[in-house]
Amino acid sequence: MENVEKCLEEVGLEKKSNTRAKDLSGGQKRKLQVALSFVGNPEVIYLDEPTAGMDTSARREIWDLLQVSGVSLTTTSDDKLN
């Protein structure tokens, strides 16, 4: 995914391309963050809880997109070791 329009389409925000980020819902803001992370075709993307605030179907769509994107993915946990 190289251009912004394609990235917005991939996360289902193509109809919101003229909407200011501050006017998006919480889940839509998360989708925008994911879309922006793909601009420029990075090899590695760091995302912190990329699906927080999304409904179940949107969450699945984003994880499916991340899995087929070809970028390196890693997960972390903030659980403290005792």
PDB file of N, CA and C in Angstrom:
ATOM      1  N   MET A   1       0.850  -1.186   0.000  1.00  0.00           N
ATOM      2  CA  MET A   1       0.000   0.000   0.000  1.00  0.00           C
ATOM      3  C   MET A   1       0.883   1.232   0.000  1.00  0.00           C
ATOM      4  N   GLU A   2       0.783   1.986  -1.020  1.00  0.00           N
ATOM      5  CA  GLU A   2       1.692   3.114  -1.107  1.00  0.00           C
ATOM      6  C   GLU A   2       1.014   4.459  -0.909  1.00  0.00           C
ATOM      7  N   ASN A   3      -0.092   4.707  -1.575  1.00  0.00           N
ATOM      8  CA  ASN A   3      -0.656   6.042  -1.458  1.00  0.00           C
ATOM      9  C   ASN A   3      -1.738   6.116  -0.392  1.00  0.00           C
ATOM     10  N   VAL A   4      -2.026   7.312   0.020  1.00  0.00           N
ATOM     11  CA  VAL A   4      -2.952   7.545   1.130  1.00  0.00           C
ATOM     12  C   VAL A   4      -4.349   7.029   0.798  1.00  0.00           C
ATOM     13  N   GLU A   5      -4.828   7.285  -0.418  1.00  0.00           N
ATOM     14  CA  GLU A   5      -6.170   6.841  -0.797  1.00  0.00           C
ATOM     15  C   GLU A   5      -6.308   5.327  -0.689  1.00  0.00           C
ATOM     16  N   LYS A   6      -5.297   4.610  -1.159  1.00  0.00           N
ATOM     17  CA  LYS A   6      -5.307   3.143  -1.082  1.00  0.00           C
ATOM     18  C   LYS A   6      -5.300   2.690   0.380  1.00  0.00           C
ATOM     19  N   CYS A   7      -4.521   3.348   1.202  1.00  0.00           N
ATOM     20  CA  CYS A   7      -4.444   2.989   2.616  1.00  0.00           C
ATOM     21  C   CYS A   7      -5.786   3.219   3.306  1.00  0.00           C
ATOM     22  N   LEU A   8      -6.441   4.333   3.004  1.00  0.00           N
ATOM     23  CA  LEU A   8      -7.761   4.605   3.589  1.00  0.00           C
ATOM     24  C   LEU A   8      -8.775   3.575   3.134  1.00  0.00           C
ATOM     25  N   GLU A   9      -8.699   3.191   1.872  1.00  0.00           N
ATOM     26  CA  GLU A   9      -9.614   2.176   1.345  1.00  0.00           C
ATOM     27  C   GLU A   9      -9.422   0.839   2.056  1.00  0.00           C
ATOM     28  N   GLU A  10      -8.182   0.472   2.297  1.00  0.00           N
ATOM     29  CA  GLU A  10      -7.878  -0.808   2.944  1.00  0.00           C
ATOM     30  C   GLU A  10      -8.472  -0.920   4.344  1.00  0.00           C
ATOM     31  N   VAL A  11      -8.628   0.196   5.037  1.00  0.00           N
ATOM     32  CA  VAL A  11      -9.185   0.155   6.394  1.00  0.00           C
ATOM     33  C   VAL A  11     -10.645   0.622   6.429  1.00  0.00           C
ATOM     34  N   GLY A  12     -11.231   0.853   5.260  1.00  0.00           N
ATOM     35  CA  GLY A  12     -12.643   1.204   5.203  1.00  0.00           C
ATOM     36  C   GLY A  12     -12.958   2.657   5.513  1.00  0.00           C
ATOM     37  N   LEU A  13     -12.009   3.548   5.298  1.00  0.00           N
ATOM     38  CA  LEU A  13     -12.235   4.962   5.581  1.00  0.00           C
ATOM     39  C   LEU A  13     -12.268   5.828   4.322  1.00  0.00           C
ATOM     40  N   GLU A  14     -12.422   5.213   3.160  1.00  0.00           N
ATOM     41  CA  GLU A  14     -12.392   6.005   1.927  1.00  0.00           C
ATOM     42  C   GLU A  14     -13.488   7.072   1.883  1.00  0.00           C
ATOM     43  N   LYS A  15     -14.625   6.818   2.515  1.00  0.00           N
ATOM     44  CA  LYS A  15     -15.716   7.805   2.536  1.00  0.00           C
ATOM     45  C   LYS A  15     -15.461   8.926   3.544  1.00  0.00           C
ATOM     46  N   LYS A  16     -14.451   8.780   4.370  1.00  0.00           N
ATOM     47  CA  LYS A  16     -14.114   9.777   5.382  1.00  0.00           C
ATOM     48  C   LYS A  16     -12.860  10.566   5.008  1.00  0.00           C
ATOM     49  N   SER A  17     -12.435  10.492   3.759  1.00  0.00           N
ATOM     50  CA  SER A  17     -11.169  11.111   3.364  1.00  0.00           C
ATOM     51  C   SER A  17     -11.160  12.630   3.507  1.00  0.00           C
ATOM     52  N   ASN A  18     -12.318  13.256   3.539  1.00  0.00           N
ATOM     53  CA  ASN A  18     -12.378  14.711   3.705  1.00  0.00           C
ATOM     54  C   ASN A  18     -12.795  15.126   5.112  1.00  0.00           C
ATOM     55  N   THR A  19     -12.822  14.164   6.031  1.00  0.00           N
ATOM     56  CA  THR A  19     -13.206  14.429   7.417  1.00  0.00           C
ATOM     57  C   THR A  19     -11.959  14.674   8.253  1.00  0.00           C
ATOM     58  N   ARG A  20     -12.015  15.672   9.111  1.00  0.00           N
ATOM     59  CA  ARG A  20     -10.884  15.931  10.012  1.00  0.00           C
ATOM     60  C   ARG A  20     -10.780  14.796  11.035  1.00  0.00           C
ATOM     61  N   ALA A  21      -9.571  14.457  11.396  1.00  0.00           N
ATOM     62  CA  ALA A  21      -9.338  13.366  12.338  1.00  0.00           C
ATOM     63  C   ALA A  21     -10.076  13.603  13.651  1.00  0.00           C
ATOM     64  N   LYS A  22     -10.136  14.850  14.104  1.00  0.00           N
ATOM     65  CA  LYS A  22     -10.800  15.140  15.379  1.00  0.00           C
ATOM     66  C   LYS A  22     -12.295  14.845  15.333  1.00  0.00           C
ATOM     67  N   ASP A  23     -12.874  14.745  14.134  1.00  0.00           N
ATOM     68  CA  ASP A  23     -14.299  14.471  13.983  1.00  0.00           C
ATOM     69  C   ASP A  23     -14.614  12.994  13.786  1.00  0.00           C
ATOM     70  N   LEU A  24     -13.602  12.143  13.777  1.00  0.00           N
ATOM     71  CA  LEU A  24     -13.805  10.702  13.626  1.00  0.00           C
ATOM     72  C   LEU A  24     -14.128  10.074  14.978  1.00  0.00           C
ATOM     73  N   SER A  25     -14.806   8.932  14.941  1.00  0.00           N
ATOM     74  CA  SER A  25     -15.063   8.185  16.176  1.00  0.00           C
ATOM     75  C   SER A  25     -13.755   7.568  16.662  1.00  0.00           C
ATOM     76  N   GLY A  26     -13.760   7.031  17.859  1.00  0.00           N
ATOM     77  CA  GLY A  26     -12.555   6.404  18.411  1.00  0.00           C
ATOM     78  C   GLY A  26     -12.040   5.267  17.546  1.00  0.00           C
ATOM     79  N   GLY A  27     -12.946   4.405  17.101  1.00  0.00           N
ATOM     80  CA  GLY A  27     -12.550   3.290  16.243  1.00  0.00           C
ATOM     81  C   GLY A  27     -12.037   3.763  14.894  1.00  0.00           C
ATOM     82  N   GLN A  28     -12.654   4.805  14.361  1.00  0.00           N
ATOM     83  CA  GLN A  28     -12.197   5.352  13.084  1.00  0.00           C
ATOM     84  C   GLN A  28     -10.820   5.992  13.223  1.00  0.00           C
ATOM     85  N   LYS A  29     -10.550   6.602  14.353  1.00  0.00           N
ATOM     86  CA  LYS A  29      -9.218   7.167  14.585  1.00  0.00           C
ATOM     87  C   LYS A  29      -8.166   6.066  14.610  1.00  0.00           C
ATOM     88  N   ARG A  30      -8.499   4.932  15.211  1.00  0.00           N
ATOM     89  CA  ARG A  30      -7.572   3.803  15.239  1.00  0.00           C
ATOM     90  C   ARG A  30      -7.324   3.293  13.831  1.00  0.00           C
ATOM     91  N   LYS A  31      -8.395   3.202  13.032  1.00  0.00           N
ATOM     92  CA  LYS A  31      -8.240   2.774  11.643  1.00  0.00           C
ATOM     93  C   LYS A  31      -7.342   3.748  10.889  1.00  0.00           C
ATOM     94  N   LEU A  32      -7.516   5.037  11.142  1.00  0.00           N
ATOM     95  CA  LEU A  32      -6.685   6.047  10.487  1.00  0.00           C
ATOM     96  C   LEU A  32      -5.220   5.860  10.876  1.00  0.00           C
ATOM     97  N   GLN A  33      -4.961   5.570  12.141  1.00  0.00           N
ATOM     98  CA  GLN A  33      -3.584   5.333  12.587  1.00  0.00           C
ATOM     99  C   GLN A  33      -2.971   4.153  11.844  1.00  0.00           C
ATOM    100  N   VAL A  34      -3.748   3.093  11.693  1.00  0.00           N
ATOM    101  CA  VAL A  34      -3.255   1.921  10.966  1.00  0.00           C
ATOM    102  C   VAL A  34      -2.990   2.294   9.511  1.00  0.00           C
ATOM    103  N   ALA A  35      -3.936   2.997   8.878  1.00  0.00           N
ATOM    104  CA  ALA A  35      -3.771   3.395   7.480  1.00  0.00           C
ATOM    105  C   ALA A  35      -2.516   4.247   7.293  1.00  0.00           C
ATOM    106  N   LEU A  36      -2.327   5.225   8.165  1.00  0.00           N
ATOM    107  CA  LEU A  36      -1.160   6.102   8.049  1.00  0.00           C
ATOM    108  C   LEU A  36       0.154   5.350   8.248  1.00  0.00           C
ATOM    109  N   SER A  37       0.109   4.291   9.038  1.00  0.00           N
ATOM    110  CA  SER A  37       1.337   3.531   9.272  1.00  0.00           C
ATOM    111  C   SER A  37       1.817   2.820   8.008  1.00  0.00           C
ATOM    112  N   PHE A  38       0.929   2.613   7.046  1.00  0.00           N
ATOM    113  CA  PHE A  38       1.301   1.934   5.806  1.00  0.00           C
ATOM    114  C   PHE A  38       1.820   2.884   4.727  1.00  0.00           C
ATOM    115  N   VAL A  39       1.652   4.180   4.903  1.00  0.00           N
ATOM    116  CA  VAL A  39       2.102   5.134   3.893  1.00  0.00           C
ATOM    117  C   VAL A  39       3.615   5.019   3.731  1.00  0.00           C
ATOM    118  N   GLY A  40       4.061   4.864   2.514  1.00  0.00           N
ATOM    119  CA  GLY A  40       5.491   4.752   2.237  1.00  0.00           C
ATOM    120  C   GLY A  40       5.997   3.324   2.186  1.00  0.00           C
ATOM    121  N   ASN A  41       5.105   2.342   2.299  1.00  0.00           N
ATOM    122  CA  ASN A  41       5.484   0.924   2.232  1.00  0.00           C
ATOM    123  C   ASN A  41       6.592   0.536   3.213  1.00  0.00           C
ATOM    124  N   PRO A  42       6.377   0.729   4.508  1.00  0.00           N
ATOM    125  CA  PRO A  42       7.422   0.365   5.473  1.00  0.00           C
ATOM    126  C   PRO A  42       7.584  -1.150   5.578  1.00  0.00           C
ATOM    127  N   GLU A  43       8.757  -1.565   5.991  1.00  0.00           N
ATOM    128  CA  GLU A  43       9.000  -2.983   6.221  1.00  0.00           C
ATOM    129  C   GLU A  43       8.550  -3.401   7.612  1.00  0.00           C
ATOM    130  N   VAL A  44       8.628  -2.475   8.555  1.00  0.00           N
ATOM    131  CA  VAL A  44       8.259  -2.737   9.943  1.00  0.00           C
ATOM    132  C   VAL A  44       7.323  -1.629  10.407  1.00  0.00           C
ATOM    133  N   ILE A  45       6.286  -2.016  11.119  1.00  0.00           N
ATOM    134  CA  ILE A  45       5.345  -1.048  11.686  1.00  0.00           C
ATOM    135  C   ILE A  45       5.209  -1.350  13.170  1.00  0.00           C
ATOM    136  N   TYR A  46       5.302  -0.318  13.994  1.00  0.00           N
ATOM    137  CA  TYR A  46       5.088  -0.457  15.429  1.00  0.00           C
ATOM    138  C   TYR A  46       3.725   0.126  15.760  1.00  0.00           C
ATOM    139  N   LEU A  47       2.829  -0.712  16.265  1.00  0.00           N
ATOM    140  CA  LEU A  47       1.486  -0.272  16.638  1.00  0.00           C
ATOM    141  C   LEU A  47       1.211  -0.701  18.073  1.00  0.00           C
ATOM    142  N   ASP A  48       0.666   0.193  18.860  1.00  0.00           N
ATOM    143  CA  ASP A  48       0.319  -0.108  20.238  1.00  0.00           C
ATOM    144  C   ASP A  48      -1.191  -0.289  20.310  1.00  0.00           C
ATOM    145  N   GLU A  49      -1.637  -1.496  20.540  1.00  0.00           N
ATOM    146  CA  GLU A  49      -3.059  -1.833  20.621  1.00  0.00           C
ATOM    147  C   GLU A  49      -3.838  -1.247  19.444  1.00  0.00           C
ATOM    148  N   PRO A  50      -3.511  -1.695  18.225  1.00  0.00           N
ATOM    149  CA  PRO A  50      -4.097  -1.087  17.033  1.00  0.00           C
ATOM    150  C   PRO A  50      -5.607  -1.255  16.901  1.00  0.00           C
ATOM    151  N   THR A  51      -6.192  -2.207  17.601  1.00  0.00           N
ATOM    152  CA  THR A  51      -7.637  -2.414  17.454  1.00  0.00           C
ATOM    153  C   THR A  51      -8.437  -1.994  18.675  1.00  0.00           C
ATOM    154  N   ALA A  52      -7.805  -1.313  19.616  1.00  0.00           N
ATOM    155  CA  ALA A  52      -8.534  -0.826  20.795  1.00  0.00           C
ATOM    156  C   ALA A  52      -9.615   0.155  20.356  1.00  0.00           C
ATOM    157  N   GLY A  53     -10.799   0.012  20.885  1.00  0.00           N
ATOM    158  CA  GLY A  53     -11.895   0.913  20.564  1.00  0.00           C
ATOM    159  C   GLY A  53     -12.674   0.535  19.326  1.00  0.00           C
ATOM    160  N   MET A  54     -12.309  -0.573  18.683  1.00  0.00           N
ATOM    161  CA  MET A  54     -13.019  -1.005  17.479  1.00  0.00           C
ATOM    162  C   MET A  54     -14.035  -2.080  17.823  1.00  0.00           C
ATOM    163  N   ASP A  55     -15.088  -2.148  17.010  1.00  0.00           N
ATOM    164  CA  ASP A  55     -16.055  -3.229  17.192  1.00  0.00           C
ATOM    165  C   ASP A  55     -15.430  -4.533  16.689  1.00  0.00           C
ATOM    166  N   THR A  56     -16.087  -5.642  16.989  1.00  0.00           N
ATOM    167  CA  THR A  56     -15.533  -6.962  16.705  1.00  0.00           C
ATOM    168  C   THR A  56     -15.221  -7.169  15.230  1.00  0.00           C
ATOM    169  N   SER A  57     -16.113  -6.780  14.347  1.00  0.00           N
ATOM    170  CA  SER A  57     -15.869  -7.005  12.916  1.00  0.00           C
ATOM    171  C   SER A  57     -14.733  -6.120  12.401  1.00  0.00           C
ATOM    172  N   ALA A  58     -14.667  -4.882  12.845  1.00  0.00           N
ATOM    173  CA  ALA A  58     -13.569  -3.991  12.434  1.00  0.00           C
ATOM    174  C   ALA A  58     -12.241  -4.516  12.961  1.00  0.00           C
ATOM    175  N   ARG A  59     -12.253  -5.025  14.179  1.00  0.00           N
ATOM    176  CA  ARG A  59     -11.038  -5.591  14.780  1.00  0.00           C
ATOM    177  C   ARG A  59     -10.518  -6.740  13.927  1.00  0.00           C
ATOM    178  N   ARG A  60     -11.405  -7.627  13.510  1.00  0.00           N
ATOM    179  CA  ARG A  60     -11.020  -8.779  12.681  1.00  0.00           C
ATOM    180  C   ARG A  60     -10.471  -8.303  11.340  1.00  0.00           C
ATOM    181  N   GLU A  61     -11.124  -7.321  10.731  1.00  0.00           N
ATOM    182  CA  GLU A  61     -10.668  -6.802   9.434  1.00  0.00           C
ATOM    183  C   GLU A  61      -9.267  -6.209   9.530  1.00  0.00           C
ATOM    184  N   ILE A  62      -8.999  -5.481  10.589  1.00  0.00           N
ATOM    185  CA  ILE A  62      -7.670  -4.876  10.757  1.00  0.00           C
ATOM    186  C   ILE A  62      -6.616  -5.953  10.970  1.00  0.00           C
ATOM    187  N   TRP A  63      -6.905  -6.943  11.821  1.00  0.00           N
ATOM    188  CA  TRP A  63      -5.914  -8.007  12.040  1.00  0.00           C
ATOM    189  C   TRP A  63      -5.680  -8.802  10.773  1.00  0.00           C
ATOM    190  N   ASP A  64      -6.747  -9.047   9.991  1.00  0.00           N
ATOM    191  CA  ASP A  64      -6.573  -9.739   8.711  1.00  0.00           C
ATOM    192  C   ASP A  64      -5.682  -8.921   7.783  1.00  0.00           C
ATOM    193  N   LEU A  65      -5.921  -7.609   7.720  1.00  0.00           N
ATOM    194  CA  LEU A  65      -5.103  -6.723   6.895  1.00  0.00           C
ATOM    195  C   LEU A  65      -3.645  -6.761   7.342  1.00  0.00           C
ATOM    196  N   LEU A  66      -3.413  -6.690   8.632  1.00  0.00           N
ATOM    197  CA  LEU A  66      -2.041  -6.707   9.142  1.00  0.00           C
ATOM    198  C   LEU A  66      -1.341  -8.020   8.812  1.00  0.00           C
ATOM    199  N   GLN A  67      -2.076  -9.114   8.872  1.00  0.00           N
ATOM    200  CA  GLN A  67      -1.469 -10.419   8.608  1.00  0.00           C
ATOM    201  C   GLN A  67      -1.080 -10.600   7.148  1.00  0.00           C
ATOM    202  N   VAL A  68      -1.822 -10.042   6.223  1.00  0.00           N
ATOM    203  CA  VAL A  68      -1.511 -10.215   4.794  1.00  0.00           C
ATOM    204  C   VAL A  68      -0.688  -9.067   4.227  1.00  0.00           C
ATOM    205  N   SER A  69      -0.346  -8.098   5.051  1.00  0.00           N
ATOM    206  CA  SER A  69       0.318  -6.888   4.570  1.00  0.00           C
ATOM    207  C   SER A  69       1.775  -7.097   4.165  1.00  0.00           C
ATOM    208  N   GLY A  70       2.408  -8.111   4.704  1.00  0.00           N
ATOM    209  CA  GLY A  70       3.812  -8.335   4.393  1.00  0.00           C
ATOM    210  C   GLY A  70       4.773  -7.580   5.297  1.00  0.00           C
ATOM    211  N   VAL A  71       4.248  -6.838   6.272  1.00  0.00           N
ATOM    212  CA  VAL A  71       5.126  -6.142   7.211  1.00  0.00           C
ATOM    213  C   VAL A  71       5.419  -7.055   8.395  1.00  0.00           C
ATOM    214  N   SER A  72       6.493  -6.772   9.094  1.00  0.00           N
ATOM    215  CA  SER A  72       6.824  -7.539  10.293  1.00  0.00           C
ATOM    216  C   SER A  72       5.918  -7.094  11.435  1.00  0.00           C
ATOM    217  N   LEU A  73       5.352  -8.054  12.124  1.00  0.00           N
ATOM    218  CA  LEU A  73       4.476  -7.763  13.253  1.00  0.00           C
ATOM    219  C   LEU A  73       5.055  -8.367  14.517  1.00  0.00           C
ATOM    220  N   THR A  74       4.884  -7.664  15.602  1.00  0.00           N
ATOM    221  CA  THR A  74       5.267  -8.188  16.904  1.00  0.00           C
ATOM    222  C   THR A  74       4.238  -7.715  17.916  1.00  0.00           C
ATOM    223  N   THR A  75       4.070  -8.465  18.955  1.00  0.00           N
ATOM    224  CA  THR A  75       3.157  -8.043  20.014  1.00  0.00           C
ATOM    225  C   THR A  75       3.941  -7.924  21.303  1.00  0.00           C
ATOM    226  N   THR A  76       3.471  -7.076  22.157  1.00  0.00           N
ATOM    227  CA  THR A  76       4.103  -6.893  23.464  1.00  0.00           C
ATOM    228  C   THR A  76       3.031  -6.895  24.536  1.00  0.00           C
ATOM    229  N   SER A  77       3.442  -7.015  25.743  1.00  0.00           N
ATOM    230  CA  SER A  77       2.530  -6.979  26.866  1.00  0.00           C
ATOM    231  C   SER A  77       3.147  -6.088  27.936  1.00  0.00           C
ATOM    232  N   ASP A  78       2.290  -5.367  28.631  1.00  0.00           N
ATOM    233  CA  ASP A  78       2.818  -4.535  29.705  1.00  0.00           C
ATOM    234  C   ASP A  78       2.675  -5.224  31.060  1.00  0.00           C
ATOM    235  N   ASP A  79       2.415  -6.540  31.030  1.00  0.00           N
ATOM    236  CA  ASP A  79       2.374  -7.300  32.283  1.00  0.00           C
ATOM    237  C   ASP A  79       3.744  -7.262  32.925  1.00  0.00           C
ATOM    238  N   LYS A  80       3.760  -7.059  34.223  1.00  0.00           N
ATOM    239  CA  LYS A  80       5.037  -6.994  34.937  1.00  0.00           C
ATOM    240  C   LYS A  80       5.390  -8.366  35.469  1.00  0.00           C
ATOM    241  N   LEU A  81       6.673  -8.705  35.318  1.00  0.00           N
ATOM    242  CA  LEU A  81       7.164  -9.959  35.857  1.00  0.00           C
ATOM    243  C   LEU A  81       7.404  -9.794  37.348  1.00  0.00           C
ATOM    244  N   ASN A  82       7.031 -10.755  38.109  1.00  0.00           N
ATOM    245  CA  ASN A  82       7.262 -10.714  39.552  1.00  0.00           C
ATOM    246  C   ASN A  82       8.432 -11.583  39.940  1.00  0.00           C
TER     247      ASN A  82
END
